[in-house]
Amino acid sequence: MCQEPQWQSMMLEPADVLGVENLSHTGVLIQVWITTQPMQQWAVAGVSTADQTSF
Protein backbone atom coordinates (compact mmCIF):
# COMPACT_ATOMS: atom_id res chain seq x y z
CA MET A 1 0.00 0.00 0.00
CA CYS A 2 2.82 2.39 0.87
CA GLN A 3 4.37 1.87 -2.57
CA GLU A 4 1.21 2.76 -4.52
CA PRO A 5 1.23 6.31 -5.93
CA GLN A 6 -2.16 7.29 -4.45
CA TRP A 7 -0.94 6.53 -0.89
CA GLN A 8 2.75 7.54 -1.02
CA SER A 9 2.14 11.20 -0.20
CA MET A 10 -0.05 10.35 2.82
CA MET A 11 1.93 7.53 4.45
CA LEU A 12 5.23 8.31 6.20
CA GLU A 13 6.45 4.70 6.45
CA PRO A 14 5.28 1.18 5.57
CA ALA A 15 2.35 -0.27 7.52
CA ASP A 16 3.17 -2.33 10.62
CA VAL A 17 0.97 -5.44 10.83
CA LEU A 18 0.39 -6.10 14.54
CA GLY A 19 -1.41 -9.40 14.05
CA VAL A 20 -4.77 -11.13 13.99
CA GLU A 21 -7.25 -9.49 16.37
CA ASN A 22 -10.26 -11.71 15.70
CA LEU A 23 -10.98 -14.87 13.73
CA SER A 24 -14.51 -16.05 13.04
CA HIS A 25 -16.62 -17.82 10.44
CA THR A 26 -17.30 -14.44 8.79
CA GLY A 27 -13.66 -13.42 8.34
CA VAL A 28 -10.41 -12.26 9.89
CA LEU A 29 -9.76 -8.91 11.58
CA ILE A 30 -6.12 -7.88 11.24
CA GLN A 31 -4.78 -4.95 13.27
CA VAL A 32 -2.45 -2.64 11.33
CA TRP A 33 -0.57 0.50 12.49
CA ILE A 34 -0.02 3.16 9.81
CA THR A 35 1.86 6.44 10.34
CA THR A 36 0.37 9.18 8.15
CA GLN A 37 0.86 12.83 7.33
CA PRO A 38 -1.05 15.11 9.74
CA MET A 39 -4.82 15.01 9.14
CA GLN A 40 -4.51 12.22 6.53
CA GLN A 41 -5.37 9.33 8.87
CA TRP A 42 -9.04 9.34 7.87
CA ALA A 43 -8.29 9.26 4.14
CA VAL A 44 -5.87 6.36 4.57
CA ALA A 45 -8.30 4.50 6.84
CA GLY A 46 -11.10 4.91 4.30
CA VAL A 47 -13.38 6.69 6.79
CA SER A 48 -15.62 9.47 5.51
CA THR A 49 -15.65 12.76 7.41
CA ALA A 50 -19.19 12.01 8.63
CA ASP A 51 -17.93 8.83 10.35
CA GLN A 52 -14.96 10.40 12.19
CA THR A 53 -14.87 10.08 15.97
CA SER A 54 -12.37 11.23 18.56
CA PHE A 55 -10.05 8.57 19.94
C-alpha atoms as a PDB file:
ATOM      1  CA  MET A   1       0.000   0.000   0.000  1.00  0.00           C
ATOM      2  CA  CYS A   2       2.822   2.390   0.866  1.00  0.00           C
ATOM      3  CA  GLN A   3       4.369   1.870  -2.571  1.00  0.00           C
ATOM      4  CA  GLU A   4       1.209   2.757  -4.524  1.00  0.00           C
ATOM      5  CA  PRO A   5       1.228   6.313  -5.928  1.00  0.00           C
ATOM      6  CA  GLN A   6      -2.158   7.294  -4.453  1.00  0.00           C
ATOM      7  CA  TRP A   7      -0.939   6.531  -0.890  1.00  0.00           C
ATOM      8  CA  GLN A   8       2.751   7.544  -1.018  1.00  0.00           C
ATOM      9  CA  SER A   9       2.142  11.197  -0.196  1.00  0.00           C
ATOM     10  CA  MET A  10      -0.052  10.352   2.820  1.00  0.00           C
ATOM     11  CA  MET A  11       1.930   7.528   4.455  1.00  0.00           C
ATOM     12  CA  LEU A  12       5.232   8.309   6.204  1.00  0.00           C
ATOM     13  CA  GLU A  13       6.446   4.696   6.452  1.00  0.00           C
ATOM     14  CA  PRO A  14       5.276   1.180   5.566  1.00  0.00           C
ATOM     15  CA  ALA A  15       2.351  -0.266   7.519  1.00  0.00           C
ATOM     16  CA  ASP A  16       3.170  -2.325  10.616  1.00  0.00           C
ATOM     17  CA  VAL A  17       0.974  -5.436  10.833  1.00  0.00           C
ATOM     18  CA  LEU A  18       0.386  -6.097  14.538  1.00  0.00           C
ATOM     19  CA  GLY A  19      -1.406  -9.397  14.050  1.00  0.00           C
ATOM     20  CA  VAL A  20      -4.773 -11.128  13.991  1.00  0.00           C
ATOM     21  CA  GLU A  21      -7.247  -9.491  16.365  1.00  0.00           C
ATOM     22  CA  ASN A  22     -10.257 -11.710  15.695  1.00  0.00           C
ATOM     23  CA  LEU A  23     -10.976 -14.867  13.733  1.00  0.00           C
ATOM     24  CA  SER A  24     -14.513 -16.046  13.041  1.00  0.00           C
ATOM     25  CA  HIS A  25     -16.623 -17.817  10.443  1.00  0.00           C
ATOM     26  CA  THR A  26     -17.300 -14.441   8.788  1.00  0.00           C
ATOM     27  CA  GLY A  27     -13.664 -13.416   8.340  1.00  0.00           C
ATOM     28  CA  VAL A  28     -10.413 -12.264   9.886  1.00  0.00           C
ATOM     29  CA  LEU A  29      -9.759  -8.911  11.583  1.00  0.00           C
ATOM     30  CA  ILE A  30      -6.116  -7.876  11.244  1.00  0.00           C
ATOM     31  CA  GLN A  31      -4.779  -4.949  13.274  1.00  0.00           C
ATOM     32  CA  VAL A  32      -2.447  -2.640  11.326  1.00  0.00           C
ATOM     33  CA  TRP A  33      -0.574   0.498  12.494  1.00  0.00           C
ATOM     34  CA  ILE A  34      -0.016   3.164   9.807  1.00  0.00           C
ATOM     35  CA  THR A  35       1.861   6.442  10.339  1.00  0.00           C
ATOM     36  CA  THR A  36       0.369   9.176   8.149  1.00  0.00           C
ATOM     37  CA  GLN A  37       0.862  12.828   7.331  1.00  0.00           C
ATOM     38  CA  PRO A  38      -1.048  15.111   9.741  1.00  0.00           C
ATOM     39  CA  MET A  39      -4.817  15.008   9.141  1.00  0.00           C
ATOM     40  CA  GLN A  40      -4.511  12.221   6.535  1.00  0.00           C
ATOM     41  CA  GLN A  41      -5.372   9.329   8.868  1.00  0.00           C
ATOM     42  CA  TRP A  42      -9.042   9.340   7.868  1.00  0.00           C
ATOM     43  CA  ALA A  43      -8.294   9.260   4.136  1.00  0.00           C
ATOM     44  CA  VAL A  44      -5.867   6.355   4.572  1.00  0.00           C
ATOM     45  CA  ALA A  45      -8.301   4.499   6.839  1.00  0.00           C
ATOM     46  CA  GLY A  46     -11.100   4.913   4.305  1.00  0.00           C
ATOM     47  CA  VAL A  47     -13.380   6.690   6.788  1.00  0.00           C
ATOM     48  CA  SER A  48     -15.624   9.474   5.513  1.00  0.00           C
ATOM     49  CA  THR A  49     -15.647  12.760   7.413  1.00  0.00           C
ATOM     50  CA  ALA A  50     -19.187  12.007   8.631  1.00  0.00           C
ATOM     51  CA  ASP A  51     -17.930   8.831  10.347  1.00  0.00           C
ATOM     52  CA  GLN A  52     -14.965  10.396  12.194  1.00  0.00           C
ATOM     53  CA  THR A  53     -14.875  10.083  15.965  1.00  0.00           C
ATOM     54  CA  SER A  54     -12.373  11.230  18.561  1.00  0.00           C
ATOM     55  CA  PHE A  55     -10.048   8.574  19.936  1.00  0.00           C
END
